[in-house]
């Protein structure tokens, strides 16, 4: 039997596995290994991976350990336990002044990546149009394409503070009539933060042209200027919005795979139906650990936010000193910079080219983005207190030595 004929066209059909693809993170890792081989005594500065580097709060771990031993928690949780939904609603009210019914307007998810993959199943039919900002997280666009949707990308630029150009955006919405519009604020990778005025216009458009706003708020807890703003803050926003929240970034619980979706009851109900048919819910002990985090870890969260804000300020300062224009992001734990025409006598046609140069010459790992101009993302989740760097200051000293003084240290 020729198994190649059995693969779905959405993953490549008969060409699946035959076409070699090299992904950016593979290129980054390969370059990292080459640098280590050439400079075995030089420490790599890894600002590539966007993943919290520290352990979660001890109380979260203790709760997980205790609850995992309870017989009643072994069962399939399906669409979750109401206690977690209530804790999520308390968090939204306490931290963001958002009032939602925990029984009908909040639903847990097995991480927001899974939720982003499930949401299109509730709304997208073949031929529908789906809008997404770029650069951005590719999961929902990928699944929407698999379902036969036409994707429309909206680029984000610094000149608009990483918000869509609303004149162009409104014209596109009027013409294309999308079913879903995917937003992500605070934005990964740009660090852009949305305003209430922006979301008011988005909610108005959603009502006028009948589309659902899917707002990925995984970095809601990391806004350094002002406060987090949601479409759920806008009158009528709840009727047209599904907003996703994650415990991964805020509480260093990325491997726990726990988050929640909030929005209008009919939209949450549609998501819940798909979820009920595609997963069995997150382990109850993990949901109980999530309750502890949401209810008791405000101090832990504040320390995380202060750490990332401090790192953003210091790294931006070093980059500017090195002649690379940078400013601390308004949100997330990412620093997003425009690639200069040249640096140290090297010209760059793409962001990938500069990322390659920074790894091979300085052992600095960044993530290139070429979807909306040439840009690099630097994550402030670099690890310290390990065999590589003993402290933040040691990282900063090494970064300054390499980029400012062109000297490996």
Protein backbone atom coordinates (compact mmCIF):
# COMPACT_ATOMS: atom_id res chain seq x y z
CA UNK A 1 0.00 0.00 0.00
CA UNK A 2 1.21 3.51 -0.83
CA UNK A 3 0.64 5.24 2.48
CA UNK A 4 1.54 8.63 0.96
CA UNK A 5 -1.83 8.71 -0.79
CA UNK A 6 -3.60 8.61 2.57
CA UNK A 7 -2.31 11.87 4.03
CA UNK A 8 -4.74 14.78 4.09
CA UNK A 9 -4.07 17.67 1.74
CA UNK A 10 -4.11 20.05 4.71
CA UNK A 11 -0.78 18.59 5.89
CA UNK A 12 0.71 18.16 2.44
CA UNK A 13 -1.07 15.17 0.90
CA UNK A 14 1.22 12.89 -1.07
CA UNK A 15 4.12 15.29 -0.51
CA UNK A 16 3.90 15.01 3.29
CA UNK A 17 7.34 14.27 4.71
CA UNK A 18 9.02 14.62 1.32
CA UNK A 19 9.42 18.39 1.31
CA UNK A 20 12.20 19.44 3.63
CA UNK A 21 11.27 22.41 5.82
CA UNK A 22 13.70 24.21 8.07
CA UNK A 23 11.96 26.12 10.83
CA UNK A 24 13.41 29.23 12.46
CA UNK A 25 13.89 27.52 15.82
CA UNK A 26 15.78 24.69 14.13
CA UNK A 27 18.07 27.24 12.49
CA UNK A 28 18.57 28.96 15.84
CA UNK A 29 19.45 25.73 17.62
CA UNK A 30 21.85 24.68 14.88
CA UNK A 31 23.64 28.05 15.06
CA UNK A 32 23.77 27.78 18.85
CA UNK A 33 25.47 24.38 18.64
CA UNK A 34 27.99 25.74 16.14
CA UNK A 35 28.84 28.66 18.44
CA UNK A 36 29.33 26.36 21.42
CA UNK A 37 31.61 24.11 19.38
CA UNK A 38 33.69 27.09 18.25
CA UNK A 39 33.71 28.82 21.67
CA UNK A 40 33.41 26.11 24.34
CA UNK A 41 34.49 28.47 27.13
CA UNK A 42 32.04 31.28 26.28
CA UNK A 43 28.57 31.35 27.83
CA UNK A 44 25.59 31.60 25.49
CA UNK A 45 23.13 34.42 26.21
CA UNK A 46 19.79 32.81 25.41
CA UNK A 47 17.08 35.42 24.82
CA UNK A 48 15.24 33.23 22.35
CA UNK A 49 12.87 30.99 24.27
CA UNK A 50 9.73 32.77 25.51
CA UNK A 51 9.22 30.54 28.53
CA UNK A 52 9.37 31.47 32.23
CA UNK A 53 12.67 30.24 33.61
CA UNK A 54 11.86 29.89 37.31
CA UNK A 55 9.82 27.38 39.30
CA UNK A 56 6.25 28.25 40.26
CA UNK A 57 5.14 29.29 43.75
CA UNK A 58 5.73 26.59 46.43
CA UNK A 59 2.08 26.75 47.46
CA UNK A 60 1.03 25.78 43.93
CA UNK A 61 3.34 22.76 44.01
CA UNK A 62 2.14 21.73 47.47
CA UNK A 63 -1.49 22.00 46.38
CA UNK A 64 -0.81 19.87 43.32
CA UNK A 65 0.98 17.24 45.42
CA UNK A 66 -1.80 17.10 48.00
CA UNK A 67 -4.68 17.08 45.51
CA UNK A 68 -3.03 14.47 43.28
CA UNK A 69 -3.27 12.00 46.16
CA UNK A 70 -7.02 12.38 46.58
CA UNK A 71 -9.01 9.54 45.04
CA UNK A 72 -11.90 11.76 43.98
CA UNK A 73 -9.61 13.83 41.78
CA UNK A 74 -8.65 10.92 39.53
CA UNK A 75 -11.78 11.12 37.34
CA UNK A 76 -12.15 12.69 33.90
CA UNK A 77 -12.88 16.35 34.60
CA UNK A 78 -14.41 16.89 31.13
CA UNK A 79 -15.37 20.56 31.03
CA UNK A 80 -13.79 21.29 34.36
CA UNK A 81 -14.76 22.01 37.91
CA UNK A 82 -16.85 25.01 38.85
CA UNK A 83 -14.41 25.90 41.63
CA UNK A 84 -11.77 26.77 39.05
CA UNK A 85 -14.25 28.82 37.01
CA UNK A 86 -15.16 30.70 40.20
CA UNK A 87 -11.48 31.38 40.94
CA UNK A 88 -10.99 32.64 37.38
CA UNK A 89 -13.99 34.96 37.77
CA UNK A 90 -12.59 36.27 41.07
CA UNK A 91 -9.24 36.96 39.39
CA UNK A 92 -10.89 38.84 36.51
CA UNK A 93 -12.94 40.94 38.93
CA UNK A 94 -10.08 41.61 41.36
CA UNK A 95 -7.30 42.37 38.87
CA UNK A 96 -9.16 43.80 35.87
CA UNK A 97 -12.62 44.88 37.12
CA UNK A 98 -14.30 42.41 34.76
CA UNK A 99 -17.54 40.83 35.95
CA UNK A 100 -18.39 37.43 34.47
CA UNK A 101 -20.71 34.62 35.48
CA UNK A 102 -18.42 31.70 36.37
CA UNK A 103 -21.03 29.10 35.44
CA UNK A 104 -21.85 30.36 31.93
CA UNK A 105 -19.18 32.87 30.87
CA UNK A 106 -15.95 31.13 31.93
CA UNK A 107 -14.56 27.76 30.83
CA UNK A 108 -11.20 26.19 31.66
CA UNK A 109 -8.93 24.95 28.88
CA UNK A 110 -5.95 22.62 28.63
CA UNK A 111 -3.68 25.57 27.91
CA UNK A 112 -4.56 28.40 25.55
CA UNK A 113 -2.73 26.75 22.65
CA UNK A 114 -5.31 23.96 22.72
CA UNK A 115 -8.15 26.47 23.03
CA UNK A 116 -6.89 28.42 20.02
CA UNK A 117 -6.94 25.19 18.03
CA UNK A 118 -10.46 24.33 19.21
CA UNK A 119 -12.18 27.68 18.70
CA UNK A 120 -12.24 27.56 14.87
CA UNK A 121 -14.14 24.27 15.06
CA UNK A 122 -17.01 26.13 16.70
CA UNK A 123 -17.25 28.91 14.09
CA UNK A 124 -15.42 28.30 10.82
CA UNK A 125 -16.98 26.75 7.73
CA UNK A 126 -15.17 26.12 4.43
CA UNK A 127 -14.82 29.39 2.54
CA UNK A 128 -15.15 31.63 5.60
CA UNK A 129 -12.61 34.38 6.10
CA UNK A 130 -10.51 34.68 9.22
CA UNK A 131 -8.35 37.70 10.08
CA UNK A 132 -5.16 37.52 12.15
CA UNK A 133 -2.51 40.08 13.04
CA UNK A 134 1.09 39.29 12.08
CA UNK A 135 3.60 38.55 13.35
CA UNK A 136 1.75 36.33 15.77
CA UNK A 137 1.07 32.91 17.23
CA UNK A 138 0.18 30.60 14.31
CA UNK A 139 -2.10 27.97 15.89
CA UNK A 140 -5.58 29.38 15.21
CA UNK A 141 -4.66 30.46 11.64
CA UNK A 142 -3.25 26.98 10.94
CA UNK A 143 -6.40 25.18 12.10
CA UNK A 144 -8.66 27.69 10.33
CA UNK A 145 -6.85 26.97 7.06
CA UNK A 146 -7.22 23.24 7.68
CA UNK A 147 -10.97 23.82 7.96
CA UNK A 148 -11.03 25.53 4.56
CA UNK A 149 -10.97 29.15 5.70
CA UNK A 150 -9.22 31.93 3.83
CA UNK A 151 -6.70 33.67 6.08
CA UNK A 152 -6.21 37.44 5.88
CA UNK A 153 -3.10 38.80 7.59
CA UNK A 154 -2.95 42.29 9.06
CA UNK A 155 0.62 43.53 9.69
CA UNK A 156 1.61 45.31 12.90
CA UNK A 157 4.16 48.14 12.81
CA UNK A 158 5.77 50.34 15.44
CA UNK A 159 4.48 53.49 13.70
CA UNK A 160 0.96 52.47 14.78
CA UNK A 161 2.11 51.28 18.22
CA UNK A 162 1.64 47.72 16.97
CA UNK A 163 -2.09 48.19 16.45
CA UNK A 164 -3.65 47.68 13.02
CA UNK A 165 -3.94 50.71 10.75
CA UNK A 166 -7.63 51.22 11.51
CA UNK A 167 -8.46 52.98 8.24
CA UNK A 168 -7.14 50.06 6.22
CA UNK A 169 -8.53 47.59 8.73
CA UNK A 170 -12.09 48.91 8.57
CA UNK A 171 -12.03 48.91 4.76
CA UNK A 172 -10.84 45.30 4.76
CA UNK A 173 -13.53 44.23 7.26
CA UNK A 174 -16.24 45.88 5.18
CA UNK A 175 -15.01 44.12 2.05
CA UNK A 176 -14.11 40.67 3.38
CA UNK A 177 -16.77 40.15 6.09
CA UNK A 178 -14.68 37.76 8.24
CA UNK A 179 -16.13 35.24 10.68
CA UNK A 180 -13.31 35.53 13.24
CA UNK A 181 -10.76 38.24 14.01
CA UNK A 182 -7.77 37.07 16.06
CA UNK A 183 -6.10 39.68 18.28
CA UNK A 184 -3.36 39.33 20.88
CA UNK A 185 -2.82 42.11 23.41
CA UNK A 186 -0.43 42.52 25.12
CA UNK A 187 1.14 41.31 21.88
CA UNK A 188 3.65 38.54 21.30
CA UNK A 189 6.18 39.30 19.84
CA UNK A 190 5.91 43.10 19.62
CA UNK A 191 5.03 43.93 23.23
CA UNK A 192 2.30 46.27 21.97
CA UNK A 193 -0.61 47.09 24.30
CA UNK A 194 -4.15 47.88 23.16
CA UNK A 195 -6.15 50.90 24.26
CA UNK A 196 -9.78 51.19 25.28
CA UNK A 197 -10.41 53.33 22.19
CA UNK A 198 -9.02 50.58 19.95
CA UNK A 199 -11.19 47.89 21.49
CA UNK A 200 -14.25 50.16 21.36
CA UNK A 201 -13.80 50.44 17.59
CA UNK A 202 -13.21 46.69 17.31
CA UNK A 203 -16.35 45.86 19.27
CA UNK A 204 -18.35 48.30 17.16
CA UNK A 205 -17.09 46.68 13.97
CA UNK A 206 -17.85 43.20 15.33
CA UNK A 207 -21.46 44.18 15.95
CA UNK A 208 -21.80 45.96 12.61
CA UNK A 209 -20.24 43.23 10.48
CA UNK A 210 -21.03 40.15 12.59
CA UNK A 211 -17.73 38.60 13.55
CA UNK A 212 -16.27 37.14 16.74
CA UNK A 213 -13.23 38.73 18.36
CA UNK A 214 -10.82 36.09 19.64
CA UNK A 215 -8.49 37.98 21.97
CA UNK A 216 -5.45 36.09 23.25
CA UNK A 217 -4.68 37.73 26.62
CA UNK A 218 -1.94 35.32 27.73
CA UNK A 219 0.21 38.30 28.83
CA UNK A 220 -2.57 40.29 30.52
CA UNK A 221 -0.61 40.45 33.78
CA UNK A 222 2.40 42.09 32.13
CA UNK A 223 1.42 45.65 31.25
CA UNK A 224 3.97 48.22 32.40
CA UNK A 225 2.29 51.45 31.32
CA UNK A 226 -1.26 51.96 32.55
CA UNK A 227 -3.33 48.82 32.93
CA UNK A 228 -4.61 45.89 30.91
CA UNK A 229 -7.58 46.67 28.67
CA UNK A 230 -9.97 44.05 27.32
CA UNK A 231 -12.80 44.10 24.78
CA UNK A 232 -14.84 42.79 27.72
CA UNK A 233 -14.48 46.25 29.26
CA UNK A 234 -16.47 47.74 26.36
CA UNK A 235 -20.28 47.92 26.37
CA UNK A 236 -21.43 45.10 24.12
CA UNK A 237 -17.96 43.54 24.10
CA UNK A 238 -19.01 40.41 25.91
CA UNK A 239 -21.52 39.60 23.15
CA UNK A 240 -18.83 39.37 20.47
CA UNK A 241 -15.68 38.30 22.35
CA UNK A 242 -13.91 35.13 23.44
CA UNK A 243 -10.87 36.11 25.50
CA UNK A 244 -8.18 33.61 26.47
CA UNK A 245 -6.16 33.74 29.68
CA UNK A 246 -3.19 31.61 30.62
CA UNK A 247 -1.52 30.61 33.89
CA UNK A 248 1.67 29.69 32.02
CA UNK A 249 3.38 33.07 31.79
CA UNK A 250 2.12 34.80 34.93
CA UNK A 251 2.55 31.94 37.41
CA UNK A 252 5.37 29.96 35.72
CA UNK A 253 2.97 27.06 35.18
CA UNK A 254 3.61 26.45 31.48
CA UNK A 255 3.96 22.68 31.79
CA UNK A 256 0.76 22.45 33.84
CA UNK A 257 -1.28 23.31 30.71
CA UNK A 258 -4.04 25.36 32.29
CA UNK A 259 -5.92 28.45 31.23
CA UNK A 260 -9.46 29.63 30.67
CA UNK A 261 -11.74 31.25 28.11
CA UNK A 262 -14.10 34.10 29.04
CA UNK A 263 -16.85 35.83 27.09
CA UNK A 264 -20.52 35.88 26.26
CA UNK A 265 -22.47 32.79 27.34
CA UNK A 266 -23.47 31.63 23.81
CA UNK A 267 -19.86 31.88 22.59
CA UNK A 268 -18.46 30.08 25.63
CA UNK A 269 -21.14 27.39 25.23
CA UNK A 270 -20.06 26.81 21.61
CA UNK A 271 -16.42 26.52 22.69
CA UNK A 272 -17.44 24.15 25.51
CA UNK A 273 -19.25 21.85 23.05
CA UNK A 274 -16.14 21.53 20.88
CA UNK A 275 -13.93 21.14 23.93
CA UNK A 276 -16.14 18.38 25.33
CA UNK A 277 -15.65 16.43 22.11
CA UNK A 278 -11.90 16.98 21.73
CA UNK A 279 -10.41 16.68 25.23
CA UNK A 280 -11.30 15.27 28.64
CA UNK A 281 -10.33 18.36 30.57
CA UNK A 282 -7.30 19.10 32.69
CA UNK A 283 -6.47 16.89 35.71
CA UNK A 284 -8.51 18.14 38.68
CA UNK A 285 -5.40 18.36 40.87
CA UNK A 286 -3.91 20.81 38.37
CA UNK A 287 -7.12 22.84 38.38
CA UNK A 288 -6.92 22.93 42.20
CA UNK A 289 -3.31 24.14 41.92
CA UNK A 290 -4.57 26.80 39.52
CA UNK A 291 -7.15 27.92 42.06
CA UNK A 292 -4.36 28.39 44.60
CA UNK A 293 -2.35 30.44 42.10
CA UNK A 294 -5.25 32.70 41.14
CA UNK A 295 -6.35 33.28 44.73
CA UNK A 296 -3.07 33.42 46.64
CA UNK A 297 -0.12 34.33 44.41
CA UNK A 298 -0.48 38.07 43.87
CA UNK A 299 2.94 38.63 45.46
CA UNK A 300 4.54 36.03 43.22
CA UNK A 301 2.95 37.66 40.19
CA UNK A 302 4.10 41.14 41.23
CA UNK A 303 7.69 39.89 41.63
CA UNK A 304 7.57 38.30 38.17
CA UNK A 305 6.30 41.52 36.62
CA UNK A 306 8.96 43.61 38.37
CA UNK A 307 11.71 41.25 37.22
CA UNK A 308 10.69 41.37 33.57
CA UNK A 309 10.19 45.13 33.65
CA UNK A 310 13.67 45.60 35.13
CA UNK A 311 15.24 43.37 32.50
CA UNK A 312 13.45 45.14 29.65
CA UNK A 313 14.79 48.49 30.82
CA UNK A 314 18.37 47.27 31.22
CA UNK A 315 18.59 45.33 27.95
CA UNK A 316 17.10 48.25 25.99
CA UNK A 317 19.69 50.54 27.58
CA UNK A 318 22.54 48.24 26.50
CA UNK A 319 21.20 47.92 22.96
CA UNK A 320 20.96 51.69 22.57
CA UNK A 321 24.48 52.05 23.91
CA UNK A 322 25.56 49.58 21.22
CA UNK A 323 23.89 51.66 18.50
CA UNK A 324 20.83 49.40 18.12
CA UNK A 325 17.65 51.40 18.66
CA UNK A 326 15.40 49.89 21.31
CA UNK A 327 12.80 50.93 23.82
CA UNK A 328 11.27 48.87 26.62
CA UNK A 329 8.03 47.20 25.59
CA UNK A 330 4.74 48.39 27.02
CA UNK A 331 3.71 44.78 27.72
CA UNK A 332 4.78 41.10 27.74
CA UNK A 333 8.34 40.05 28.60
CA UNK A 334 9.65 40.56 25.05
CA UNK A 335 11.81 43.30 23.60
CA UNK A 336 11.02 43.81 19.90
CA UNK A 337 13.46 45.82 17.81
CA UNK A 338 13.83 46.90 14.22
CA UNK A 339 16.83 45.38 12.47
CA UNK A 340 19.29 48.15 11.47
CA UNK A 341 20.53 48.41 7.91
CA UNK A 342 23.94 47.35 9.16
CA UNK A 343 25.80 46.61 12.37
CA UNK A 344 29.54 46.19 12.91
CA UNK A 345 30.04 46.55 9.18
CA UNK A 346 27.55 43.79 8.32
CA UNK A 347 24.43 44.54 6.26
CA UNK A 348 21.19 42.63 6.74
CA UNK A 349 18.54 41.96 4.13
CA UNK A 350 16.45 39.95 6.59
CA UNK A 351 15.95 39.64 10.32
CA UNK A 352 17.14 36.05 10.02
CA UNK A 353 20.49 37.35 8.76
CA UNK A 354 21.02 39.52 11.83
CA UNK A 355 19.88 36.75 14.17
CA UNK A 356 22.46 34.46 12.55
CA UNK A 357 25.19 37.08 12.99
CA UNK A 358 24.35 37.67 16.67
CA UNK A 359 24.53 33.97 17.43
CA UNK A 360 27.65 33.16 15.44
CA UNK A 361 29.63 36.25 16.51
CA UNK A 362 28.36 36.99 20.01
CA UNK A 363 26.58 33.87 21.25
CA UNK A 364 23.37 35.91 21.64
CA UNK A 365 20.19 34.05 20.76
CA UNK A 366 17.24 36.07 19.47
CA UNK A 367 14.17 35.20 17.39
CA UNK A 368 13.84 36.77 13.92
CA UNK A 369 10.53 37.98 12.49
CA UNK A 370 10.29 39.02 8.84
CA UNK A 371 6.49 39.05 8.49
CA UNK A 372 6.05 42.81 9.01
CA UNK A 373 9.41 44.38 8.42
CA UNK A 374 12.74 43.08 9.68
CA UNK A 375 12.57 42.68 13.45
CA UNK A 376 14.09 40.69 16.30
CA UNK A 377 12.47 39.48 19.50
CA UNK A 378 14.51 39.18 22.68
CA UNK A 379 12.89 37.35 25.60
CA UNK A 380 13.57 38.47 29.16
CA UNK A 381 13.13 34.92 30.45
CA UNK A 382 16.84 34.15 30.33
CA UNK A 383 17.96 31.90 33.16
CA UNK A 384 20.34 32.96 35.93
CA UNK A 385 21.72 31.28 39.03
CA UNK A 386 22.83 28.26 37.01
CA UNK A 387 26.09 26.94 35.62
CA UNK A 388 26.11 29.64 32.93
CA UNK A 389 25.25 32.97 34.57
CA UNK A 390 25.17 33.46 38.32
CA UNK A 391 23.11 36.66 38.26
CA UNK A 392 21.26 39.16 36.08
CA UNK A 393 24.17 41.57 36.39
CA UNK A 394 26.49 38.95 34.95
CA UNK A 395 24.18 38.58 31.94
CA UNK A 396 24.04 42.34 31.46
CA UNK A 397 27.83 42.65 31.74
CA UNK A 398 28.33 39.92 29.14
CA UNK A 399 25.77 41.50 26.81
CA UNK A 400 27.40 44.91 27.10
CA UNK A 401 30.88 43.50 26.59
CA UNK A 402 29.82 41.76 23.39
CA UNK A 403 27.51 44.31 21.78
CA UNK A 404 29.08 47.57 22.96
CA UNK A 405 32.77 46.60 23.10
CA UNK A 406 32.73 43.80 20.49
CA UNK A 407 34.47 41.50 22.92
CA UNK A 408 33.43 37.98 23.94
CA UNK A 409 33.18 37.62 27.69
